[in-house]
Amino acid sequence: MHLENTSQDVTGLLRGAGLRPTRQRVALAELLFSKGNRHISAENLHEEAIVANVPVSLATVYNTLHQFTEVGLLREVAVEGTKTYFDTNTHEHQHFFYEDENIVVDIPGKGVTLDDLPQPPEGMEITRVDVVVRLRKKAN
């Protein structure tokens, strides 16, 4: 998802998702969606907000990212127990995680093909399968 860097575009996006466009949500959404598809941690978004003179706490950034995820504006990508990235591309796709650099990127093309998924338990359905392929430089 890519928006022009205008408050009007972001306000419409938030309202369309059922969120009230508060000053902080609009400012964070402008930072998130004005740069095209990307993967960002809460800490990195908080740093961007500080540089852009957006007065927001790290806790507010986390809360806002989770709200955006709940309404489908972002996709959460967990790469480790405590390391989570938020993806502005909400379409079905998989990721590479560069361990040495702490960077998440989309796997190009059709990505990974999964065959023979297990049957879900009675009354349940599979909503999504997340694949993160971890990479690091080869040892010489």
N, C-alpha and C. Protein backbone atom coordinates (compact mmCIF):
# COMPACT_ATOMS: atom_id res chain seq x y z
N MET A 1 0.84 -1.17 0.00
CA MET A 1 0.00 0.00 0.00
C MET A 1 0.89 1.23 0.00
N HIS A 2 0.58 2.15 -0.87
CA HIS A 2 1.36 3.38 -0.93
C HIS A 2 0.40 4.55 -1.06
N LEU A 3 0.55 5.49 -0.17
CA LEU A 3 -0.28 6.70 -0.21
C LEU A 3 0.60 7.90 -0.47
N GLU A 4 0.03 8.89 -1.08
CA GLU A 4 0.73 10.16 -1.14
C GLU A 4 0.83 10.65 0.30
N ASN A 5 1.78 11.46 0.58
CA ASN A 5 2.01 11.92 1.94
C ASN A 5 1.05 13.05 2.29
N THR A 6 -0.25 12.74 2.31
CA THR A 6 -1.23 13.76 2.67
C THR A 6 -2.09 13.27 3.80
N SER A 7 -2.44 14.17 4.68
CA SER A 7 -3.29 13.82 5.81
C SER A 7 -4.66 13.37 5.34
N GLN A 8 -5.14 13.92 4.22
CA GLN A 8 -6.47 13.55 3.71
C GLN A 8 -6.50 12.08 3.30
N ASP A 9 -5.47 11.61 2.57
CA ASP A 9 -5.40 10.20 2.18
C ASP A 9 -5.37 9.30 3.40
N VAL A 10 -4.55 9.65 4.37
CA VAL A 10 -4.40 8.84 5.57
C VAL A 10 -5.68 8.86 6.40
N THR A 11 -6.30 10.02 6.50
CA THR A 11 -7.56 10.12 7.24
C THR A 11 -8.61 9.21 6.63
N GLY A 12 -8.72 9.22 5.32
CA GLY A 12 -9.67 8.33 4.63
C GLY A 12 -9.35 6.86 4.86
N LEU A 13 -8.07 6.53 4.82
CA LEU A 13 -7.64 5.16 5.07
C LEU A 13 -8.06 4.71 6.46
N LEU A 14 -7.79 5.54 7.46
CA LEU A 14 -8.12 5.18 8.84
C LEU A 14 -9.63 5.07 9.03
N ARG A 15 -10.37 6.03 8.52
CA ARG A 15 -11.84 5.97 8.65
C ARG A 15 -12.39 4.74 7.95
N GLY A 16 -11.85 4.43 6.77
CA GLY A 16 -12.30 3.25 6.03
C GLY A 16 -12.05 1.96 6.78
N ALA A 17 -11.04 1.96 7.65
CA ALA A 17 -10.72 0.78 8.46
C ALA A 17 -11.47 0.79 9.79
N GLY A 18 -12.27 1.84 10.02
CA GLY A 18 -13.03 1.90 11.26
C GLY A 18 -12.29 2.51 12.43
N LEU A 19 -11.19 3.22 12.15
CA LEU A 19 -10.41 3.86 13.21
C LEU A 19 -10.62 5.37 13.18
N ARG A 20 -10.71 5.95 14.34
CA ARG A 20 -10.81 7.41 14.45
C ARG A 20 -9.44 8.00 14.10
N PRO A 21 -9.39 8.97 13.20
CA PRO A 21 -8.10 9.54 12.79
C PRO A 21 -7.57 10.57 13.79
N THR A 22 -7.03 10.08 14.88
CA THR A 22 -6.41 10.98 15.86
C THR A 22 -5.14 11.56 15.29
N ARG A 23 -4.65 12.62 15.88
CA ARG A 23 -3.43 13.28 15.39
C ARG A 23 -2.27 12.29 15.34
N GLN A 24 -2.11 11.49 16.41
CA GLN A 24 -0.99 10.54 16.46
C GLN A 24 -1.15 9.42 15.44
N ARG A 25 -2.37 8.89 15.27
CA ARG A 25 -2.58 7.85 14.27
C ARG A 25 -2.28 8.36 12.87
N VAL A 26 -2.76 9.56 12.57
CA VAL A 26 -2.53 10.15 11.24
C VAL A 26 -1.02 10.33 11.01
N ALA A 27 -0.33 10.87 12.00
CA ALA A 27 1.11 11.09 11.85
C ALA A 27 1.86 9.78 11.64
N LEU A 28 1.53 8.76 12.43
CA LEU A 28 2.21 7.46 12.28
C LEU A 28 1.85 6.79 10.96
N ALA A 29 0.59 6.91 10.54
CA ALA A 29 0.18 6.32 9.26
C ALA A 29 0.89 7.01 8.10
N GLU A 30 1.07 8.32 8.19
CA GLU A 30 1.80 9.02 7.13
C GLU A 30 3.23 8.50 7.04
N LEU A 31 3.87 8.29 8.19
CA LEU A 31 5.23 7.75 8.18
C LEU A 31 5.25 6.33 7.61
N LEU A 32 4.28 5.52 7.98
CA LEU A 32 4.24 4.12 7.54
C LEU A 32 3.97 3.97 6.05
N PHE A 33 2.94 4.64 5.56
CA PHE A 33 2.41 4.34 4.23
C PHE A 33 2.88 5.26 3.13
N SER A 34 3.66 6.28 3.44
CA SER A 34 4.09 7.21 2.40
C SER A 34 5.36 6.74 1.69
N LYS A 35 5.95 5.65 2.17
CA LYS A 35 7.23 5.19 1.59
C LYS A 35 7.10 3.88 0.84
N GLY A 36 5.90 3.49 0.46
CA GLY A 36 5.71 2.23 -0.24
C GLY A 36 5.74 1.06 0.71
N ASN A 37 5.69 -0.15 0.16
CA ASN A 37 5.69 -1.34 1.01
C ASN A 37 7.02 -1.49 1.73
N ARG A 38 6.92 -1.76 3.02
CA ARG A 38 8.14 -1.96 3.81
C ARG A 38 7.83 -2.71 5.08
N HIS A 39 8.89 -3.13 5.75
CA HIS A 39 8.83 -3.87 7.01
C HIS A 39 9.52 -3.02 8.06
N ILE A 40 8.84 -2.78 9.16
CA ILE A 40 9.40 -1.87 10.17
C ILE A 40 9.08 -2.37 11.57
N SER A 41 10.01 -2.19 12.46
CA SER A 41 9.77 -2.53 13.87
C SER A 41 9.18 -1.31 14.56
N ALA A 42 8.58 -1.53 15.71
CA ALA A 42 8.03 -0.42 16.49
C ALA A 42 9.14 0.55 16.88
N GLU A 43 10.29 0.02 17.22
CA GLU A 43 11.41 0.87 17.62
C GLU A 43 11.86 1.77 16.47
N ASN A 44 11.94 1.20 15.26
CA ASN A 44 12.35 2.00 14.10
C ASN A 44 11.31 3.06 13.74
N LEU A 45 10.03 2.71 13.85
CA LEU A 45 8.99 3.70 13.58
C LEU A 45 9.03 4.81 14.63
N HIS A 46 9.29 4.44 15.87
CA HIS A 46 9.41 5.45 16.94
C HIS A 46 10.57 6.41 16.63
N GLU A 47 11.70 5.87 16.18
CA GLU A 47 12.84 6.72 15.80
C GLU A 47 12.47 7.66 14.65
N GLU A 48 11.76 7.13 13.65
CA GLU A 48 11.32 7.98 12.53
C GLU A 48 10.39 9.09 13.02
N ALA A 49 9.52 8.75 13.97
CA ALA A 49 8.58 9.75 14.51
C ALA A 49 9.34 10.86 15.22
N ILE A 50 10.35 10.49 15.99
CA ILE A 50 11.14 11.49 16.70
C ILE A 50 11.83 12.42 15.71
N VAL A 51 12.44 11.85 14.67
CA VAL A 51 13.13 12.65 13.65
C VAL A 51 12.14 13.58 12.95
N ALA A 52 10.88 13.11 12.77
CA ALA A 52 9.86 13.92 12.09
C ALA A 52 9.13 14.86 13.05
N ASN A 53 9.63 14.96 14.28
CA ASN A 53 9.01 15.83 15.30
C ASN A 53 7.57 15.45 15.62
N VAL A 54 7.31 14.14 15.63
CA VAL A 54 6.00 13.64 16.05
C VAL A 54 6.12 13.22 17.51
N PRO A 55 5.47 13.96 18.42
CA PRO A 55 5.60 13.64 19.84
C PRO A 55 4.76 12.42 20.21
N VAL A 56 5.41 11.26 20.27
CA VAL A 56 4.71 10.01 20.54
C VAL A 56 5.62 9.09 21.34
N SER A 57 5.04 8.38 22.29
CA SER A 57 5.83 7.45 23.10
C SER A 57 5.96 6.11 22.37
N LEU A 58 6.93 5.33 22.78
CA LEU A 58 7.11 4.00 22.19
C LEU A 58 5.88 3.14 22.46
N ALA A 59 5.27 3.26 23.62
CA ALA A 59 4.06 2.49 23.95
C ALA A 59 2.92 2.85 22.99
N THR A 60 2.79 4.13 22.67
CA THR A 60 1.75 4.54 21.72
C THR A 60 2.03 3.98 20.33
N VAL A 61 3.29 3.95 19.94
CA VAL A 61 3.65 3.36 18.64
C VAL A 61 3.25 1.89 18.62
N TYR A 62 3.59 1.14 19.66
CA TYR A 62 3.21 -0.27 19.73
C TYR A 62 1.69 -0.42 19.65
N ASN A 63 0.97 0.36 20.45
CA ASN A 63 -0.50 0.26 20.45
C ASN A 63 -1.08 0.57 19.08
N THR A 64 -0.56 1.60 18.44
CA THR A 64 -1.06 1.99 17.13
C THR A 64 -0.76 0.91 16.08
N LEU A 65 0.44 0.36 16.11
CA LEU A 65 0.77 -0.71 15.16
C LEU A 65 -0.15 -1.92 15.34
N HIS A 66 -0.43 -2.27 16.58
CA HIS A 66 -1.34 -3.40 16.84
C HIS A 66 -2.77 -3.07 16.41
N GLN A 67 -3.20 -1.83 16.60
CA GLN A 67 -4.53 -1.43 16.13
C GLN A 67 -4.60 -1.51 14.61
N PHE A 68 -3.58 -1.02 13.94
CA PHE A 68 -3.54 -1.08 12.48
C PHE A 68 -3.55 -2.53 12.00
N THR A 69 -2.86 -3.41 12.72
CA THR A 69 -2.83 -4.83 12.36
C THR A 69 -4.21 -5.46 12.55
N GLU A 70 -4.87 -5.15 13.65
CA GLU A 70 -6.20 -5.72 13.94
C GLU A 70 -7.22 -5.37 12.86
N VAL A 71 -7.12 -4.20 12.26
CA VAL A 71 -8.10 -3.78 11.24
C VAL A 71 -7.62 -4.09 9.82
N GLY A 72 -6.48 -4.76 9.68
CA GLY A 72 -6.01 -5.21 8.38
C GLY A 72 -5.17 -4.24 7.60
N LEU A 73 -4.72 -3.15 8.21
CA LEU A 73 -3.85 -2.20 7.51
C LEU A 73 -2.40 -2.66 7.47
N LEU A 74 -2.01 -3.50 8.42
CA LEU A 74 -0.66 -4.03 8.51
C LEU A 74 -0.72 -5.53 8.72
N ARG A 75 0.40 -6.16 8.46
CA ARG A 75 0.55 -7.60 8.72
C ARG A 75 1.73 -7.75 9.67
N GLU A 76 1.53 -8.47 10.74
CA GLU A 76 2.59 -8.69 11.72
C GLU A 76 3.46 -9.86 11.28
N VAL A 77 4.78 -9.66 11.34
CA VAL A 77 5.74 -10.70 10.97
C VAL A 77 6.63 -10.95 12.18
N ALA A 78 6.42 -12.07 12.85
CA ALA A 78 7.23 -12.43 14.02
C ALA A 78 8.42 -13.24 13.56
N VAL A 79 9.63 -12.75 13.84
CA VAL A 79 10.82 -13.47 13.43
C VAL A 79 11.51 -14.15 14.60
N GLU A 80 11.26 -13.66 15.79
CA GLU A 80 11.76 -14.27 17.01
C GLU A 80 10.74 -13.95 18.09
N GLY A 81 10.90 -14.55 19.25
CA GLY A 81 9.95 -14.33 20.32
C GLY A 81 9.70 -12.87 20.63
N THR A 82 10.74 -12.07 20.63
CA THR A 82 10.58 -10.67 20.99
C THR A 82 10.77 -9.72 19.82
N LYS A 83 11.11 -10.24 18.65
CA LYS A 83 11.38 -9.37 17.49
C LYS A 83 10.23 -9.48 16.50
N THR A 84 9.48 -8.40 16.36
CA THR A 84 8.34 -8.37 15.46
C THR A 84 8.49 -7.19 14.51
N TYR A 85 8.13 -7.42 13.26
CA TYR A 85 8.11 -6.38 12.26
C TYR A 85 6.67 -6.22 11.78
N PHE A 86 6.37 -5.06 11.26
CA PHE A 86 5.04 -4.79 10.72
C PHE A 86 5.20 -4.49 9.24
N ASP A 87 4.40 -5.18 8.44
CA ASP A 87 4.52 -5.16 6.99
C ASP A 87 3.34 -4.37 6.41
N THR A 88 3.63 -3.39 5.58
CA THR A 88 2.56 -2.62 4.95
C THR A 88 1.93 -3.38 3.78
N ASN A 89 2.56 -4.45 3.32
CA ASN A 89 2.01 -5.30 2.27
C ASN A 89 1.20 -6.40 2.96
N THR A 90 -0.11 -6.31 2.90
CA THR A 90 -0.96 -7.26 3.62
C THR A 90 -1.38 -8.45 2.75
N HIS A 91 -0.91 -8.49 1.52
CA HIS A 91 -1.24 -9.63 0.65
C HIS A 91 -0.45 -10.86 1.10
N GLU A 92 -0.93 -12.02 0.71
CA GLU A 92 -0.29 -13.28 1.10
C GLU A 92 1.09 -13.38 0.46
N HIS A 93 2.12 -13.49 1.26
CA HIS A 93 3.48 -13.65 0.78
C HIS A 93 4.37 -14.09 1.95
N GLN A 94 5.59 -14.49 1.61
CA GLN A 94 6.53 -14.96 2.62
C GLN A 94 7.73 -14.03 2.68
N HIS A 95 8.59 -14.29 3.68
CA HIS A 95 9.68 -13.35 3.95
C HIS A 95 11.03 -14.03 4.13
N PHE A 96 12.08 -13.30 3.76
CA PHE A 96 13.45 -13.60 4.17
C PHE A 96 13.75 -12.73 5.39
N PHE A 97 14.47 -13.30 6.35
CA PHE A 97 14.95 -12.51 7.48
C PHE A 97 16.46 -12.63 7.49
N TYR A 98 17.16 -11.51 7.28
CA TYR A 98 18.61 -11.47 7.31
C TYR A 98 19.05 -11.29 8.76
N GLU A 99 19.48 -12.39 9.36
CA GLU A 99 19.81 -12.39 10.79
C GLU A 99 20.91 -11.40 11.15
N ASP A 100 21.94 -11.31 10.31
CA ASP A 100 23.07 -10.44 10.62
C ASP A 100 22.70 -8.95 10.60
N GLU A 101 21.66 -8.62 9.84
CA GLU A 101 21.29 -7.22 9.67
C GLU A 101 19.95 -6.86 10.30
N ASN A 102 19.22 -7.87 10.81
CA ASN A 102 17.88 -7.66 11.36
C ASN A 102 16.97 -6.96 10.34
N ILE A 103 16.96 -7.51 9.12
CA ILE A 103 16.14 -6.95 8.04
C ILE A 103 15.18 -8.02 7.54
N VAL A 104 13.95 -7.63 7.30
CA VAL A 104 12.94 -8.50 6.71
C VAL A 104 12.63 -7.98 5.31
N VAL A 105 12.63 -8.89 4.32
CA VAL A 105 12.26 -8.52 2.96
C VAL A 105 11.31 -9.57 2.41
N ASP A 106 10.50 -9.17 1.45
CA ASP A 106 9.59 -10.12 0.81
C ASP A 106 10.38 -11.09 -0.06
N ILE A 107 9.97 -12.34 -0.06
CA ILE A 107 10.52 -13.31 -1.00
C ILE A 107 9.91 -12.99 -2.36
N PRO A 108 10.75 -12.77 -3.38
CA PRO A 108 10.21 -12.36 -4.68
C PRO A 108 9.45 -13.47 -5.38
N GLY A 109 8.66 -13.07 -6.34
CA GLY A 109 7.91 -14.02 -7.16
C GLY A 109 6.81 -14.69 -6.37
N LYS A 110 6.61 -15.95 -6.67
CA LYS A 110 5.55 -16.70 -5.99
C LYS A 110 5.98 -17.19 -4.62
N GLY A 111 7.24 -16.99 -4.27
CA GLY A 111 7.70 -17.35 -2.94
C GLY A 111 7.77 -18.84 -2.72
N VAL A 112 7.27 -19.27 -1.59
CA VAL A 112 7.34 -20.66 -1.16
C VAL A 112 6.00 -21.34 -1.42
N THR A 113 6.05 -22.54 -1.94
CA THR A 113 4.84 -23.32 -2.15
C THR A 113 4.72 -24.36 -1.05
N LEU A 114 3.60 -24.39 -0.39
CA LEU A 114 3.37 -25.34 0.68
C LEU A 114 2.35 -26.37 0.23
N ASP A 115 2.73 -27.63 0.31
CA ASP A 115 1.82 -28.72 -0.03
C ASP A 115 1.50 -29.50 1.22
N ASP A 116 0.38 -30.17 1.19
CA ASP A 116 0.04 -31.14 2.22
C ASP A 116 -0.05 -30.51 3.62
N LEU A 117 -0.77 -29.40 3.73
CA LEU A 117 -1.00 -28.81 5.04
C LEU A 117 -1.86 -29.75 5.88
N PRO A 118 -1.67 -29.75 7.18
CA PRO A 118 -2.46 -30.64 8.03
C PRO A 118 -3.92 -30.20 8.07
N GLN A 119 -4.80 -31.13 8.35
CA GLN A 119 -6.21 -30.80 8.55
C GLN A 119 -6.34 -30.05 9.86
N PRO A 120 -7.03 -28.93 9.87
CA PRO A 120 -7.21 -28.22 11.15
C PRO A 120 -8.15 -29.00 12.06
N PRO A 121 -8.06 -28.78 13.35
CA PRO A 121 -8.98 -29.45 14.28
C PRO A 121 -10.44 -29.11 13.97
N GLU A 122 -11.33 -29.93 14.44
CA GLU A 122 -12.77 -29.75 14.22
C GLU A 122 -13.20 -28.34 14.61
N GLY A 123 -13.94 -27.69 13.71
CA GLY A 123 -14.47 -26.36 13.99
C GLY A 123 -13.48 -25.23 13.73
N MET A 124 -12.29 -25.56 13.24
CA MET A 124 -11.26 -24.55 13.00
C MET A 124 -10.94 -24.50 11.51
N GLU A 125 -10.41 -23.35 11.07
CA GLU A 125 -9.96 -23.22 9.69
C GLU A 125 -8.59 -22.53 9.68
N ILE A 126 -7.80 -22.86 8.68
CA ILE A 126 -6.49 -22.22 8.52
C ILE A 126 -6.73 -20.86 7.90
N THR A 127 -6.27 -19.81 8.57
CA THR A 127 -6.47 -18.47 8.05
C THR A 127 -5.25 -17.94 7.31
N ARG A 128 -4.09 -18.43 7.69
CA ARG A 128 -2.85 -17.94 7.08
C ARG A 128 -1.71 -18.84 7.51
N VAL A 129 -0.74 -19.00 6.64
CA VAL A 129 0.48 -19.72 6.98
C VAL A 129 1.63 -18.74 6.80
N ASP A 130 2.39 -18.51 7.87
CA ASP A 130 3.51 -17.59 7.81
C ASP A 130 4.80 -18.38 7.62
N VAL A 131 5.60 -17.93 6.66
CA VAL A 131 6.90 -18.54 6.42
C VAL A 131 7.95 -17.45 6.49
N VAL A 132 8.93 -17.64 7.36
CA VAL A 132 10.08 -16.74 7.44
C VAL A 132 11.32 -17.59 7.22
N VAL A 133 12.02 -17.32 6.14
CA VAL A 133 13.25 -18.05 5.83
C VAL A 133 14.40 -17.21 6.38
N ARG A 134 15.12 -17.78 7.32
CA ARG A 134 16.20 -17.06 7.99
C ARG A 134 17.49 -17.24 7.21
N LEU A 135 18.21 -16.13 7.01
CA LEU A 135 19.45 -16.14 6.24
C LEU A 135 20.59 -15.55 7.08
N ARG A 136 21.79 -16.07 6.80
CA ARG A 136 23.00 -15.43 7.34
C ARG A 136 24.14 -15.74 6.38
N LYS A 137 25.19 -14.94 6.46
CA LYS A 137 26.33 -15.12 5.56
C LYS A 137 26.99 -16.44 5.86
N LYS A 138 27.46 -17.08 4.80
CA LYS A 138 28.17 -18.35 4.94
C LYS A 138 29.49 -18.14 5.65
N ALA A 139 29.84 -19.09 6.50
CA ALA A 139 31.15 -19.07 7.15
C ALA A 139 32.18 -19.53 6.13
N ASN A 140 33.33 -18.87 6.11
CA ASN A 140 34.38 -19.24 5.13
C ASN A 140 35.03 -20.51 5.48
